[in-house]
């Protein structure tokens, strides 16, 4: 038999687990809602001028000293894409989550070149 004290302890334990899951669910949903870079590249018309969230590792950077913006290449495991930063450029090897608009740099004879993400300025 359980004593009243054990039942209270069990109640606190299960409520704590429940609250932990409730807190974790939005994080999991947000993590699952990121778009794959390969999907963007394969469906440029669908994603053009749309806001997306990407999650990946910074593989290359190009930043001009003393200027806030720059570009970095993001690899999510499916492909790579350049991101025009609205903030400081992250260092190579960092894992980042970025939200921005899919833009097409150059369009010639119906072909698109220079697909990139313009990071949303959150400030």
C-alpha atoms as a PDB file:
ATOM      1  CA  UNK A   1       0.000   0.000   0.000  1.00  0.00           C
ATOM      2  CA  UNK A   2       1.019   3.572  -0.629  1.00  0.00           C
ATOM      3  CA  UNK A   3       0.966   6.031   2.151  1.00  0.00           C
ATOM      4  CA  UNK A   4      -0.601   9.464   1.702  1.00  0.00           C
ATOM      5  CA  UNK A   5       2.896  10.891   1.600  1.00  0.00           C
ATOM      6  CA  UNK A   6       3.834   8.599  -1.308  1.00  0.00           C
ATOM      7  CA  UNK A   7       0.692   9.548  -3.220  1.00  0.00           C
ATOM      8  CA  UNK A   8       1.510  13.261  -2.833  1.00  0.00           C
ATOM      9  CA  UNK A   9       5.068  12.674  -3.973  1.00  0.00           C
ATOM     10  CA  UNK A  10       3.814  10.681  -6.977  1.00  0.00           C
ATOM     11  CA  UNK A  11       1.315  13.441  -7.794  1.00  0.00           C
ATOM     12  CA  UNK A  12       4.058  16.084  -7.778  1.00  0.00           C
ATOM     13  CA  UNK A  13       6.274  13.812  -9.873  1.00  0.00           C
ATOM     14  CA  UNK A  14       3.629  13.173 -12.549  1.00  0.00           C
ATOM     15  CA  UNK A  15       2.540  16.835 -12.623  1.00  0.00           C
ATOM     16  CA  UNK A  16       6.166  17.848 -13.047  1.00  0.00           C
ATOM     17  CA  UNK A  17       6.601  15.453 -15.969  1.00  0.00           C
ATOM     18  CA  UNK A  18       3.373  16.725 -17.524  1.00  0.00           C
ATOM     19  CA  UNK A  19       4.485  20.350 -17.226  1.00  0.00           C
ATOM     20  CA  UNK A  20       7.874  19.430 -18.695  1.00  0.00           C
ATOM     21  CA  UNK A  21       6.207  17.915 -21.756  1.00  0.00           C
ATOM     22  CA  UNK A  22       3.890  20.910 -22.137  1.00  0.00           C
ATOM     23  CA  UNK A  23       6.947  23.188 -22.130  1.00  0.00           C
ATOM     24  CA  UNK A  24       8.844  20.963 -24.541  1.00  0.00           C
ATOM     25  CA  UNK A  25       6.073  20.600 -27.157  1.00  0.00           C
ATOM     26  CA  UNK A  26       6.413  24.128 -28.677  1.00  0.00           C
ATOM     27  CA  UNK A  27      10.179  23.663 -28.900  1.00  0.00           C
ATOM     28  CA  UNK A  28       9.738  20.358 -30.722  1.00  0.00           C
ATOM     29  CA  UNK A  29       7.119  21.819 -33.059  1.00  0.00           C
ATOM     30  CA  UNK A  30       9.351  24.783 -33.855  1.00  0.00           C
ATOM     31  CA  UNK A  31      12.291  22.474 -34.510  1.00  0.00           C
ATOM     32  CA  UNK A  32      10.193  20.336 -36.839  1.00  0.00           C
ATOM     33  CA  UNK A  33       8.878  23.335 -38.752  1.00  0.00           C
ATOM     34  CA  UNK A  34      12.203  24.237 -40.334  1.00  0.00           C
ATOM     35  CA  UNK A  35      12.379  23.985 -44.107  1.00  0.00           C
ATOM     36  CA  UNK A  36      14.968  21.855 -45.891  1.00  0.00           C
ATOM     37  CA  UNK A  37      17.323  23.726 -48.217  1.00  0.00           C
ATOM     38  CA  UNK A  38      16.951  21.022 -50.865  1.00  0.00           C
ATOM     39  CA  UNK A  39      13.170  21.599 -50.855  1.00  0.00           C
ATOM     40  CA  UNK A  40      13.776  25.298 -51.544  1.00  0.00           C
ATOM     41  CA  UNK A  41      16.172  24.545 -54.402  1.00  0.00           C
ATOM     42  CA  UNK A  42      13.798  22.003 -55.952  1.00  0.00           C
ATOM     43  CA  UNK A  43      10.736  24.281 -55.644  1.00  0.00           C
ATOM     44  CA  UNK A  44      12.042  27.821 -56.130  1.00  0.00           C
ATOM     45  CA  UNK A  45       8.716  29.145 -57.478  1.00  0.00           C
ATOM     46  CA  UNK A  46       6.872  27.878 -54.411  1.00  0.00           C
ATOM     47  CA  UNK A  47       9.342  29.413 -51.949  1.00  0.00           C
ATOM     48  CA  UNK A  48      10.292  32.639 -53.789  1.00  0.00           C
ATOM     49  CA  UNK A  49       9.524  35.692 -51.607  1.00  0.00           C
ATOM     50  CA  UNK A  50       8.256  33.416 -48.808  1.00  0.00           C
ATOM     51  CA  UNK A  51       9.526  33.479 -45.252  1.00  0.00           C
ATOM     52  CA  UNK A  52      11.205  30.254 -44.125  1.00  0.00           C
ATOM     53  CA  UNK A  53      13.062  28.984 -41.084  1.00  0.00           C
ATOM     54  CA  UNK A  54      16.259  27.016 -41.600  1.00  0.00           C
ATOM     55  CA  UNK A  55      18.373  25.080 -39.124  1.00  0.00           C
ATOM     56  CA  UNK A  56      21.935  24.089 -39.899  1.00  0.00           C
ATOM     57  CA  UNK A  57      25.680  24.553 -39.564  1.00  0.00           C
ATOM     58  CA  UNK A  58      27.603  27.582 -40.803  1.00  0.00           C
ATOM     59  CA  UNK A  59      30.194  26.341 -43.319  1.00  0.00           C
ATOM     60  CA  UNK A  60      31.521  29.559 -44.906  1.00  0.00           C
ATOM     61  CA  UNK A  61      31.431  33.222 -43.928  1.00  0.00           C
ATOM     62  CA  UNK A  62      32.135  36.550 -45.561  1.00  0.00           C
ATOM     63  CA  UNK A  63      32.013  39.598 -43.334  1.00  0.00           C
ATOM     64  CA  UNK A  64      33.482  43.041 -43.724  1.00  0.00           C
ATOM     65  CA  UNK A  65      35.120  44.307 -40.519  1.00  0.00           C
ATOM     66  CA  UNK A  66      33.192  47.040 -38.659  1.00  0.00           C
ATOM     67  CA  UNK A  67      30.048  46.479 -40.754  1.00  0.00           C
ATOM     68  CA  UNK A  68      27.162  44.561 -39.208  1.00  0.00           C
ATOM     69  CA  UNK A  69      26.028  42.664 -42.278  1.00  0.00           C
ATOM     70  CA  UNK A  70      27.668  39.948 -44.274  1.00  0.00           C
ATOM     71  CA  UNK A  71      26.857  36.572 -45.751  1.00  0.00           C
ATOM     72  CA  UNK A  72      27.299  33.023 -44.574  1.00  0.00           C
ATOM     73  CA  UNK A  73      26.649  29.618 -46.062  1.00  0.00           C
ATOM     74  CA  UNK A  74      24.307  27.318 -44.179  1.00  0.00           C
ATOM     75  CA  UNK A  75      24.344  23.516 -44.521  1.00  0.00           C
ATOM     76  CA  UNK A  76      21.358  21.589 -43.158  1.00  0.00           C
ATOM     77  CA  UNK A  77      22.504  18.181 -44.362  1.00  0.00           C
ATOM     78  CA  UNK A  78      20.322  18.263 -47.480  1.00  0.00           C
ATOM     79  CA  UNK A  79      22.086  21.130 -49.308  1.00  0.00           C
ATOM     80  CA  UNK A  80      23.736  24.496 -48.768  1.00  0.00           C
ATOM     81  CA  UNK A  81      22.453  28.049 -49.213  1.00  0.00           C
ATOM     82  CA  UNK A  82      23.840  31.540 -48.666  1.00  0.00           C
ATOM     83  CA  UNK A  83      22.226  33.755 -46.030  1.00  0.00           C
ATOM     84  CA  UNK A  84      22.415  37.555 -46.153  1.00  0.00           C
ATOM     85  CA  UNK A  85      22.752  38.393 -42.482  1.00  0.00           C
ATOM     86  CA  UNK A  86      20.778  41.161 -40.799  1.00  0.00           C
ATOM     87  CA  UNK A  87      22.932  40.746 -37.682  1.00  0.00           C
ATOM     88  CA  UNK A  88      26.502  39.791 -36.960  1.00  0.00           C
ATOM     89  CA  UNK A  89      27.724  36.900 -39.075  1.00  0.00           C
ATOM     90  CA  UNK A  90      28.061  33.705 -36.997  1.00  0.00           C
ATOM     91  CA  UNK A  91      31.355  31.833 -36.895  1.00  0.00           C
ATOM     92  CA  UNK A  92      32.070  28.740 -38.971  1.00  0.00           C
ATOM     93  CA  UNK A  93      30.984  25.564 -37.257  1.00  0.00           C
ATOM     94  CA  UNK A  94      28.168  27.223 -35.279  1.00  0.00           C
ATOM     95  CA  UNK A  95      24.712  25.681 -35.477  1.00  0.00           C
ATOM     96  CA  UNK A  96      22.080  28.333 -36.097  1.00  0.00           C
ATOM     97  CA  UNK A  97      18.370  28.723 -36.704  1.00  0.00           C
ATOM     98  CA  UNK A  98      17.620  31.501 -39.172  1.00  0.00           C
ATOM     99  CA  UNK A  99      14.331  32.966 -40.368  1.00  0.00           C
ATOM    100  CA  UNK A 100      14.286  34.950 -43.569  1.00  0.00           C
ATOM    101  CA  UNK A 101      12.873  35.467 -47.054  1.00  0.00           C
ATOM    102  CA  UNK A 102      13.872  33.365 -50.033  1.00  0.00           C
ATOM    103  CA  UNK A 103      15.252  35.685 -52.715  1.00  0.00           C
ATOM    104  CA  UNK A 104      16.514  35.054 -56.203  1.00  0.00           C
ATOM    105  CA  UNK A 105      19.571  37.095 -57.136  1.00  0.00           C
ATOM    106  CA  UNK A 106      19.633  36.891 -60.927  1.00  0.00           C
ATOM    107  CA  UNK A 107      17.138  35.614 -63.458  1.00  0.00           C
ATOM    108  CA  UNK A 108      18.280  35.042 -67.042  1.00  0.00           C
ATOM    109  CA  UNK A 109      16.232  33.385 -69.775  1.00  0.00           C
ATOM    110  CA  UNK A 110      13.874  31.911 -67.192  1.00  0.00           C
ATOM    111  CA  UNK A 111      16.695  30.373 -65.141  1.00  0.00           C
ATOM    112  CA  UNK A 112      17.425  31.521 -61.634  1.00  0.00           C
ATOM    113  CA  UNK A 113      20.879  31.954 -60.197  1.00  0.00           C
ATOM    114  CA  UNK A 114      21.925  33.036 -56.739  1.00  0.00           C
ATOM    115  CA  UNK A 115      19.093  31.713 -54.568  1.00  0.00           C
ATOM    116  CA  UNK A 116      19.661  32.953 -51.032  1.00  0.00           C
ATOM    117  CA  UNK A 117      17.910  33.789 -47.785  1.00  0.00           C
ATOM    118  CA  UNK A 118      17.616  37.396 -46.656  1.00  0.00           C
ATOM    119  CA  UNK A 119      17.572  37.145 -42.869  1.00  0.00           C
ATOM    120  CA  UNK A 120      14.677  38.883 -41.110  1.00  0.00           C
ATOM    121  CA  UNK A 121      15.763  41.871 -39.048  1.00  0.00           C
ATOM    122  CA  UNK A 122      14.256  41.198 -35.598  1.00  0.00           C
ATOM    123  CA  UNK A 123      15.378  44.391 -33.907  1.00  0.00           C
END
